[in-house]
Amino acid sequence: MNILTIIPSRLASTRLPGKALAEINGIPMIVHVWRRGMEANLGPVVVACDDWQIADAVQRAGGKAVMTDPALASGSDRAFAALQMVDPAGEYDLVVNLQGDMPTADPAMLATLIAPLDLPGAEIATLASVVTTAAELAAPSVVKAAVSLSPGDKTGRALFFSRNLIPWGDGAHYHHIGLYAYKRSALMKFSHLPQGALEQREQLEQLRALEHGMRIDISIVDVNPLGVDTLDDLNLARKILL
């Protein structure tokens, strides 16, 4: 498959305003994320942003950026808007959505991300890791995934996502990692769907797909990359990327 990686990025952020341009060892965070995408060597990488300052930072680093509507509801909506601008002829049939606040993401993780899309009927792929602490289980900021996994398998169907603890009972729980890969047709379908009641209630865009009967496959990985949401996260990223 021809693969295009798109990094949705917006300047506004409730908990850490302007985080896309926050410097990590002298380099804007969005440039670090773009570099992780390039290091994965899956194909072209484009930043889909809502502010010229982000575009300028990426372009000065040698990358490609496109401007998208600031009013778009989700990162996947922004990715689809960028796809239409960058590839109107439909050359790319698989789109990786790399979050713009994951500067420490392992490039090899993106290869794991796309693997389930080889399965018959697969539409969307994402990642999760095993929850290891009680604090993760209790935190609403940690999205939990209910995954149908057979013993010994590392890939299974996503049944639900919640900020609450799911499923009930003994056994592993999974921390969803907000990276996605879409077949082009699935991203197009997703972006034309109305927001569902559960998506709005949980504030989780992936529930839009499940509510409308789309299939999401999850691969289980060992490491959860740091997502930068707070100043403490930013300072930790600065230590990791020394």
C-alpha atoms as a PDB file:
ATOM      1  CA  MET A   1       0.000   0.000   0.000  1.00  0.00           C
ATOM      2  CA  ASN A   2       1.050   3.594  -0.600  1.00  0.00           C
ATOM      3  CA  ILE A   3       1.256   5.254   2.803  1.00  0.00           C
ATOM      4  CA  LEU A   4       0.928   8.935   3.718  1.00  0.00           C
ATOM      5  CA  THR A   5       1.593  10.048   7.284  1.00  0.00           C
ATOM      6  CA  ILE A   6      -0.339  13.117   8.428  1.00  0.00           C
ATOM      7  CA  ILE A   7       0.343  14.914  11.712  1.00  0.00           C
ATOM      8  CA  PRO A   8      -2.660  16.986  12.868  1.00  0.00           C
ATOM      9  CA  SER A   9      -1.553  19.964  14.936  1.00  0.00           C
ATOM     10  CA  ARG A  10      -3.354  22.958  16.394  1.00  0.00           C
ATOM     11  CA  LEU A  11      -1.960  25.891  18.310  1.00  0.00           C
ATOM     12  CA  ALA A  12      -4.716  26.163  20.904  1.00  0.00           C
ATOM     13  CA  SER A  13      -4.494  23.830  23.882  1.00  0.00           C
ATOM     14  CA  THR A  14      -6.510  24.046  27.080  1.00  0.00           C
ATOM     15  CA  ARG A  15      -3.893  22.713  29.464  1.00  0.00           C
ATOM     16  CA  LEU A  16      -0.717  23.829  27.667  1.00  0.00           C
ATOM     17  CA  PRO A  17      -1.371  26.719  25.258  1.00  0.00           C
ATOM     18  CA  GLY A  18       0.912  26.814  22.230  1.00  0.00           C
ATOM     19  CA  LYS A  19       2.400  23.409  22.991  1.00  0.00           C
ATOM     20  CA  ALA A  20       3.012  22.577  19.324  1.00  0.00           C
ATOM     21  CA  LEU A  21       5.679  25.294  19.282  1.00  0.00           C
ATOM     22  CA  ALA A  22       7.045  24.629  22.775  1.00  0.00           C
ATOM     23  CA  GLU A  23      10.778  24.141  22.484  1.00  0.00           C
ATOM     24  CA  ILE A  24      12.330  20.824  23.414  1.00  0.00           C
ATOM     25  CA  ASN A  25      16.083  21.319  23.514  1.00  0.00           C
ATOM     26  CA  GLY A  26      15.837  24.263  21.120  1.00  0.00           C
ATOM     27  CA  ILE A  27      13.509  22.576  18.596  1.00  0.00           C
ATOM     28  CA  PRO A  28       9.710  23.064  18.403  1.00  0.00           C
ATOM     29  CA  MET A  29       7.787  19.996  19.539  1.00  0.00           C
ATOM     30  CA  ILE A  30       5.984  19.672  16.212  1.00  0.00           C
ATOM     31  CA  VAL A  31       9.341  19.372  14.448  1.00  0.00           C
ATOM     32  CA  HIS A  32      10.335  16.516  16.772  1.00  0.00           C
ATOM     33  CA  VAL A  33       7.095  14.725  15.883  1.00  0.00           C
ATOM     34  CA  TRP A  34       7.661  15.316  12.160  1.00  0.00           C
ATOM     35  CA  ARG A  35      11.136  13.807  12.523  1.00  0.00           C
ATOM     36  CA  ARG A  36       9.677  10.683  14.184  1.00  0.00           C
ATOM     37  CA  GLY A  37       7.343  10.305  11.229  1.00  0.00           C
ATOM     38  CA  MET A  38      10.205  10.670   8.767  1.00  0.00           C
ATOM     39  CA  GLU A  39      12.335   8.172  10.701  1.00  0.00           C
ATOM     40  CA  ALA A  40       9.579   5.549  10.318  1.00  0.00           C
ATOM     41  CA  ASN A  41      10.348   5.591   6.564  1.00  0.00           C
ATOM     42  CA  LEU A  42       6.803   4.665   5.535  1.00  0.00           C
ATOM     43  CA  GLY A  43       6.423   7.416   2.938  1.00  0.00           C
ATOM     44  CA  PRO A  44       5.778  11.176   2.843  1.00  0.00           C
ATOM     45  CA  VAL A  45       4.948  13.060   6.050  1.00  0.00           C
ATOM     46  CA  VAL A  46       2.728  16.159   6.129  1.00  0.00           C
ATOM     47  CA  VAL A  47       1.756  18.379   9.068  1.00  0.00           C
ATOM     48  CA  ALA A  48      -1.893  19.496   8.983  1.00  0.00           C
ATOM     49  CA  CYS A  49      -2.050  22.654  11.066  1.00  0.00           C
ATOM     50  CA  ASP A  50      -4.374  25.540  11.889  1.00  0.00           C
ATOM     51  CA  ASP A  51      -1.823  28.327  12.370  1.00  0.00           C
ATOM     52  CA  TRP A  52       0.862  29.765  10.109  1.00  0.00           C
ATOM     53  CA  GLN A  53       3.409  29.694  12.964  1.00  0.00           C
ATOM     54  CA  ILE A  54       3.274  25.887  13.039  1.00  0.00           C
ATOM     55  CA  ALA A  55       3.539  25.705   9.261  1.00  0.00           C
ATOM     56  CA  ASP A  56       6.517  28.044   9.312  1.00  0.00           C
ATOM     57  CA  ALA A  57       8.338  25.990  11.965  1.00  0.00           C
ATOM     58  CA  VAL A  58       7.860  22.771   9.974  1.00  0.00           C
ATOM     59  CA  GLN A  59       8.881  24.322   6.671  1.00  0.00           C
ATOM     60  CA  ARG A  60      12.016  25.868   8.165  1.00  0.00           C
ATOM     61  CA  ALA A  61      12.983  22.365   9.327  1.00  0.00           C
ATOM     62  CA  GLY A  62      12.583  21.083   5.761  1.00  0.00           C
ATOM     63  CA  GLY A  63       9.124  19.559   6.156  1.00  0.00           C
ATOM     64  CA  LYS A  64       5.780  20.011   4.416  1.00  0.00           C
ATOM     65  CA  ALA A  65       2.766  21.612   6.096  1.00  0.00           C
ATOM     66  CA  VAL A  66      -0.749  22.507   4.956  1.00  0.00           C
ATOM     67  CA  MET A  67      -3.248  24.855   6.556  1.00  0.00           C
ATOM     68  CA  THR A  68      -6.594  23.384   7.644  1.00  0.00           C
ATOM     69  CA  ASP A  69      -9.749  24.900   9.144  1.00  0.00           C
ATOM     70  CA  PRO A  70      -9.285  25.667  12.878  1.00  0.00           C
ATOM     71  CA  ALA A  71     -12.923  24.687  13.474  1.00  0.00           C
ATOM     72  CA  LEU A  72     -12.428  21.019  12.544  1.00  0.00           C
ATOM     73  CA  ALA A  73     -13.723  18.787  15.327  1.00  0.00           C
ATOM     74  CA  SER A  74     -10.966  16.167  15.611  1.00  0.00           C
ATOM     75  CA  GLY A  75      -7.485  15.191  14.533  1.00  0.00           C
ATOM     76  CA  SER A  76      -8.892  12.653  12.092  1.00  0.00           C
ATOM     77  CA  ASP A  77     -11.131  15.306  10.532  1.00  0.00           C
ATOM     78  CA  ARG A  78      -8.040  17.481  10.133  1.00  0.00           C
ATOM     79  CA  ALA A  79      -6.126  14.577   8.613  1.00  0.00           C
ATOM     80  CA  PHE A  80      -8.856  13.998   6.030  1.00  0.00           C
ATOM     81  CA  ALA A  81      -8.917  17.683   5.107  1.00  0.00           C
ATOM     82  CA  ALA A  82      -5.154  17.583   4.570  1.00  0.00           C
ATOM     83  CA  LEU A  83      -5.408  14.368   2.539  1.00  0.00           C
ATOM     84  CA  GLN A  84      -7.815  16.039   0.122  1.00  0.00           C
ATOM     85  CA  MET A  85      -5.389  18.935  -0.366  1.00  0.00           C
ATOM     86  CA  VAL A  86      -2.207  16.885  -0.627  1.00  0.00           C
ATOM     87  CA  ASP A  87      -3.517  13.928  -2.624  1.00  0.00           C
ATOM     88  CA  PRO A  88      -6.649  14.834  -4.629  1.00  0.00           C
ATOM     89  CA  ALA A  89      -5.852  12.132  -7.196  1.00  0.00           C
ATOM     90  CA  GLY A  90      -6.006   9.327  -4.598  1.00  0.00           C
ATOM     91  CA  GLU A  91      -2.435   8.069  -4.924  1.00  0.00           C
ATOM     92  CA  TYR A  92      -2.235   7.079  -1.241  1.00  0.00           C
ATOM     93  CA  ASP A  93      -4.541   4.337  -0.013  1.00  0.00           C
ATOM     94  CA  LEU A  94      -3.419   4.220   3.625  1.00  0.00           C
ATOM     95  CA  VAL A  95      -3.182   7.189   5.996  1.00  0.00           C
ATOM     96  CA  VAL A  96      -1.278   7.196   9.289  1.00  0.00           C
ATOM     97  CA  ASN A  97      -2.533   9.756  11.803  1.00  0.00           C
ATOM     98  CA  LEU A  98       0.448  10.604  14.033  1.00  0.00           C
ATOM     99  CA  GLN A  99      -0.531  12.810  16.962  1.00  0.00           C
ATOM    100  CA  GLY A 100       1.265  16.147  17.078  1.00  0.00           C
ATOM    101  CA  ASP A 101       1.976  15.926  20.807  1.00  0.00           C
ATOM    102  CA  MET A 102       3.998  12.676  20.826  1.00  0.00           C
ATOM    103  CA  PRO A 103       7.611  13.791  20.300  1.00  0.00           C
ATOM    104  CA  THR A 104       9.022  10.603  21.875  1.00  0.00           C
ATOM    105  CA  ALA A 105       7.038   8.137  19.726  1.00  0.00           C
ATOM    106  CA  ASP A 106       9.146   5.197  18.555  1.00  0.00           C
ATOM    107  CA  PRO A 107       9.195   5.255  14.723  1.00  0.00           C
ATOM    108  CA  ALA A 108       9.097   1.436  14.695  1.00  0.00           C
ATOM    109  CA  MET A 109       5.719   1.636  16.434  1.00  0.00           C
ATOM    110  CA  LEU A 110       4.187   3.014  13.234  1.00  0.00           C
ATOM    111  CA  ALA A 111       5.008  -0.210  11.386  1.00  0.00           C
ATOM    112  CA  THR A 112       3.196  -2.147  14.122  1.00  0.00           C
ATOM    113  CA  LEU A 113       0.300   0.292  13.854  1.00  0.00           C
ATOM    114  CA  ILE A 114      -0.391  -0.366  10.173  1.00  0.00           C
ATOM    115  CA  ALA A 115       0.027  -4.166  10.260  1.00  0.00           C
ATOM    116  CA  PRO A 116      -3.640  -5.061  11.046  1.00  0.00           C
ATOM    117  CA  LEU A 117      -4.827  -3.270   7.921  1.00  0.00           C
ATOM    118  CA  ASP A 118      -3.639  -6.304   5.941  1.00  0.00           C
ATOM    119  CA  LEU A 119      -6.447  -8.314   7.566  1.00  0.00           C
ATOM    120  CA  PRO A 120      -9.618  -8.903   5.517  1.00  0.00           C
ATOM    121  CA  GLY A 121     -12.284  -6.368   6.445  1.00  0.00           C
ATOM    122  CA  ALA A 122      -9.962  -4.164   8.508  1.00  0.00           C
ATOM    123  CA  GLU A 123     -10.730  -0.435   8.284  1.00  0.00           C
ATOM    124  CA  ILE A 124      -8.951   1.369  11.126  1.00  0.00           C
ATOM    125  CA  ALA A 125      -5.968   0.336  13.253  1.00  0.00           C
ATOM    126  CA  THR A 126      -4.671   1.712  16.529  1.00  0.00           C
ATOM    127  CA  LEU A 127      -2.466   0.728  19.493  1.00  0.00           C
ATOM    128  CA  ALA A 128      -2.710   0.033  23.201  1.00  0.00           C
ATOM    129  CA  SER A 129      -0.447  -1.027  26.046  1.00  0.00           C
ATOM    130  CA  VAL A 130      -1.134  -2.958  29.230  1.00  0.00           C
ATOM    131  CA  VAL A 131      -2.083  -0.767  32.188  1.00  0.00           C
ATOM    132  CA  THR A 132       0.472  -1.305  34.951  1.00  0.00           C
ATOM    133  CA  THR A 133      -0.567   1.055  37.757  1.00  0.00           C
ATOM    134  CA  ALA A 134      -3.674   1.805  39.805  1.00  0.00           C
ATOM    135  CA  ALA A 135      -3.217   5.496  38.967  1.00  0.00           C
ATOM    136  CA  GLU A 136      -3.592   4.735  35.238  1.00  0.00           C
ATOM    137  CA  LEU A 137      -6.751   2.743  35.876  1.00  0.00           C
ATOM    138  CA  ALA A 138      -8.309   5.585  37.848  1.00  0.00           C
ATOM    139  CA  ALA A 139      -7.284   8.513  35.621  1.00  0.00           C
ATOM    140  CA  PRO A 140      -9.965   9.816  33.220  1.00  0.00           C
ATOM    141  CA  SER A 141      -7.141  11.137  31.024  1.00  0.00           C
ATOM    142  CA  VAL A 142      -6.070   7.532  30.404  1.00  0.00           C
ATOM    143  CA  VAL A 143      -8.447   6.092  27.824  1.00  0.00           C
ATOM    144  CA  LYS A 144      -9.158   2.420  28.399  1.00  0.00           C
ATOM    145  CA  ALA A 145      -9.852   0.032  25.513  1.00  0.00           C
ATOM    146  CA  ALA A 146     -11.987  -3.090  25.671  1.00  0.00           C
ATOM    147  CA  VAL A 147     -10.274  -5.473  23.239  1.00  0.00           C
ATOM    148  CA  SER A 148     -11.376  -8.910  22.054  1.00  0.00           C
ATOM    149  CA  LEU A 149      -8.110 -10.862  22.308  1.00  0.00           C
ATOM    150  CA  SER A 150      -7.570 -14.599  22.093  1.00  0.00           C
ATOM    151  CA  PRO A 151      -4.922 -16.061  24.450  1.00  0.00           C
ATOM    152  CA  GLY A 152      -1.441 -15.294  23.142  1.00  0.00           C
ATOM    153  CA  ASP A 153      -2.638 -12.845  20.485  1.00  0.00           C
ATOM    154  CA  LYS A 154      -1.250  -9.338  20.181  1.00  0.00           C
ATOM    155  CA  THR A 155      -3.969  -8.001  17.861  1.00  0.00           C
ATOM    156  CA  GLY A 156      -7.718  -7.953  18.434  1.00  0.00           C
ATOM    157  CA  ARG A 157     -10.960  -6.119  17.702  1.00  0.00           C
ATOM    158  CA  ALA A 158     -11.810  -2.966  19.627  1.00  0.00           C
ATOM    159  CA  LEU A 159     -15.234  -3.261  21.259  1.00  0.00           C
ATOM    160  CA  PHE A 160     -15.351   0.004  23.211  1.00  0.00           C
ATOM    161  CA  PHE A 161     -13.252   2.866  24.568  1.00  0.00           C
ATOM    162  CA  SER A 162     -13.904   4.751  27.794  1.00  0.00           C
ATOM    163  CA  ARG A 163     -12.338   7.122  30.265  1.00  0.00           C
ATOM    164  CA  ASN A 164     -13.797   4.845  32.931  1.00  0.00           C
ATOM    165  CA  LEU A 165     -12.441   1.437  33.911  1.00  0.00           C
ATOM    166  CA  ILE A 166     -13.469  -1.228  31.383  1.00  0.00           C
ATOM    167  CA  PRO A 167     -13.984  -4.158  31.312  1.00  0.00           C
ATOM    168  CA  TRP A 168     -15.030  -5.198  34.808  1.00  0.00           C
ATOM    169  CA  GLY A 169     -13.413  -8.178  36.538  1.00  0.00           C
ATOM    170  CA  ASP A 170     -10.000  -9.799  36.677  1.00  0.00           C
ATOM    171  CA  GLY A 171      -7.580  -9.641  33.780  1.00  0.00           C
ATOM    172  CA  ALA A 172      -5.487  -7.167  31.850  1.00  0.00           C
ATOM    173  CA  HIS A 173      -6.667  -3.653  31.106  1.00  0.00           C
ATOM    174  CA  TYR A 174      -5.419  -1.682  28.118  1.00  0.00           C
ATOM    175  CA  HIS A 175      -4.322   1.946  27.820  1.00  0.00           C
ATOM    176  CA  HIS A 176      -5.275   3.267  24.405  1.00  0.00           C
ATOM    177  CA  ILE A 177      -2.529   5.040  22.450  1.00  0.00           C
ATOM    178  CA  GLY A 178      -3.993   7.750  20.238  1.00  0.00           C
ATOM    179  CA  LEU A 179      -2.276   6.810  16.983  1.00  0.00           C
ATOM    180  CA  TYR A 180      -4.407   5.668  14.056  1.00  0.00           C
ATOM    181  CA  ALA A 181      -3.997   4.191  10.613  1.00  0.00           C
ATOM    182  CA  TYR A 182      -6.889   4.316   8.159  1.00  0.00           C
ATOM    183  CA  LYS A 183      -7.588   2.766   4.838  1.00  0.00           C
ATOM    184  CA  ARG A 184      -8.333   5.779   2.672  1.00  0.00           C
ATOM    185  CA  SER A 185     -11.942   4.699   2.153  1.00  0.00           C
ATOM    186  CA  ALA A 186     -12.409   4.336   5.914  1.00  0.00           C
ATOM    187  CA  LEU A 187     -11.032   7.801   6.652  1.00  0.00           C
ATOM    188  CA  MET A 188     -13.347   9.261   4.027  1.00  0.00           C
ATOM    189  CA  LYS A 189     -16.320   7.414   5.531  1.00  0.00           C
ATOM    190  CA  PHE A 190     -15.388   8.413   9.078  1.00  0.00           C
ATOM    191  CA  SER A 191     -15.062  12.086   8.198  1.00  0.00           C
ATOM    192  CA  HIS A 192     -18.560  12.176   6.691  1.00  0.00           C
ATOM    193  CA  LEU A 193     -20.230  10.572   9.703  1.00  0.00           C
ATOM    194  CA  PRO A 194     -22.098  12.688  12.258  1.00  0.00           C
ATOM    195  CA  GLN A 195     -20.769  12.761  15.785  1.00  0.00           C
ATOM    196  CA  GLY A 196     -22.452  10.108  17.904  1.00  0.00           C
ATOM    197  CA  ALA A 197     -23.910  10.412  21.391  1.00  0.00           C
ATOM    198  CA  LEU A 198     -21.169   8.276  22.942  1.00  0.00           C
ATOM    199  CA  GLU A 199     -18.420  10.231  21.193  1.00  0.00           C
ATOM    200  CA  GLN A 200     -19.802  13.455  22.621  1.00  0.00           C
ATOM    201  CA  ARG A 201     -20.322  11.959  26.060  1.00  0.00           C
ATOM    202  CA  GLU A 202     -16.846  10.431  26.393  1.00  0.00           C
ATOM    203  CA  GLN A 203     -15.116  13.063  24.212  1.00  0.00           C
ATOM    204  CA  LEU A 204     -13.450  10.269  22.222  1.00  0.00           C
ATOM    205  CA  GLU A 205     -13.493  10.515  18.427  1.00  0.00           C
ATOM    206  CA  GLN A 206     -12.886   6.797  17.895  1.00  0.00           C
ATOM    207  CA  LEU A 207     -16.340   6.054  19.308  1.00  0.00           C
ATOM    208  CA  ARG A 208     -17.834   7.719  16.229  1.00  0.00           C
ATOM    209  CA  ALA A 209     -16.447   4.856  14.159  1.00  0.00           C
ATOM    210  CA  LEU A 210     -17.712   2.144  16.511  1.00  0.00           C
ATOM    211  CA  GLU A 211     -21.150   3.737  16.859  1.00  0.00           C
ATOM    212  CA  HIS A 212     -21.547   3.576  13.092  1.00  0.00           C
ATOM    213  CA  GLY A 213     -20.412  -0.033  12.777  1.00  0.00           C
ATOM    214  CA  MET A 214     -16.849   0.526  11.588  1.00  0.00           C
ATOM    215  CA  ARG A 215     -14.127  -1.948  12.511  1.00  0.00           C
ATOM    216  CA  ILE A 216     -11.101  -0.949  14.606  1.00  0.00           C
ATOM    217  CA  ASP A 217      -8.237  -3.384  15.214  1.00  0.00           C
ATOM    218  CA  ILE A 218      -5.837  -2.839  18.113  1.00  0.00           C
ATOM    219  CA  SER A 219      -2.227  -4.036  18.356  1.00  0.00           C
ATOM    220  CA  ILE A 220      -0.788  -4.399  21.847  1.00  0.00           C
ATOM    221  CA  VAL A 221       2.668  -2.850  22.301  1.00  0.00           C
ATOM    222  CA  ASP A 222       5.060  -2.745  25.241  1.00  0.00           C
ATOM    223  CA  VAL A 223       5.626   1.009  25.556  1.00  0.00           C
ATOM    224  CA  ASN A 224       3.190   3.893  25.715  1.00  0.00           C
ATOM    225  CA  PRO A 225       4.804   6.990  24.160  1.00  0.00           C
ATOM    226  CA  LEU A 226       4.655  10.184  26.172  1.00  0.00           C
ATOM    227  CA  GLY A 227       1.833  12.481  25.154  1.00  0.00           C
ATOM    228  CA  VAL A 228       2.579  16.094  26.086  1.00  0.00           C
ATOM    229  CA  ASP A 229      -0.482  17.629  27.746  1.00  0.00           C
ATOM    230  CA  THR A 230       0.991  19.516  30.712  1.00  0.00           C
ATOM    231  CA  LEU A 231       4.122  21.448  31.627  1.00  0.00           C
ATOM    232  CA  ASP A 232       5.331  18.424  33.593  1.00  0.00           C
ATOM    233  CA  ASP A 233       4.960  16.279  30.458  1.00  0.00           C
ATOM    234  CA  LEU A 234       6.902  18.856  28.468  1.00  0.00           C
ATOM    235  CA  ASN A 235       9.741  18.899  30.973  1.00  0.00           C
ATOM    236  CA  LEU A 236       9.860  15.091  30.926  1.00  0.00           C
ATOM    237  CA  ALA A 237      10.042  15.111  27.102  1.00  0.00           C
ATOM    238  CA  ARG A 238      12.970  17.527  27.365  1.00  0.00           C
ATOM    239  CA  LYS A 239      14.818  15.016  29.559  1.00  0.00           C
ATOM    240  CA  ILE A 240      14.003  12.042  27.315  1.00  0.00           C
ATOM    241  CA  LEU A 241      15.120  13.825  24.131  1.00  0.00           C
ATOM    242  CA  LEU A 242      18.434  15.149  25.451  1.00  0.00           C
END
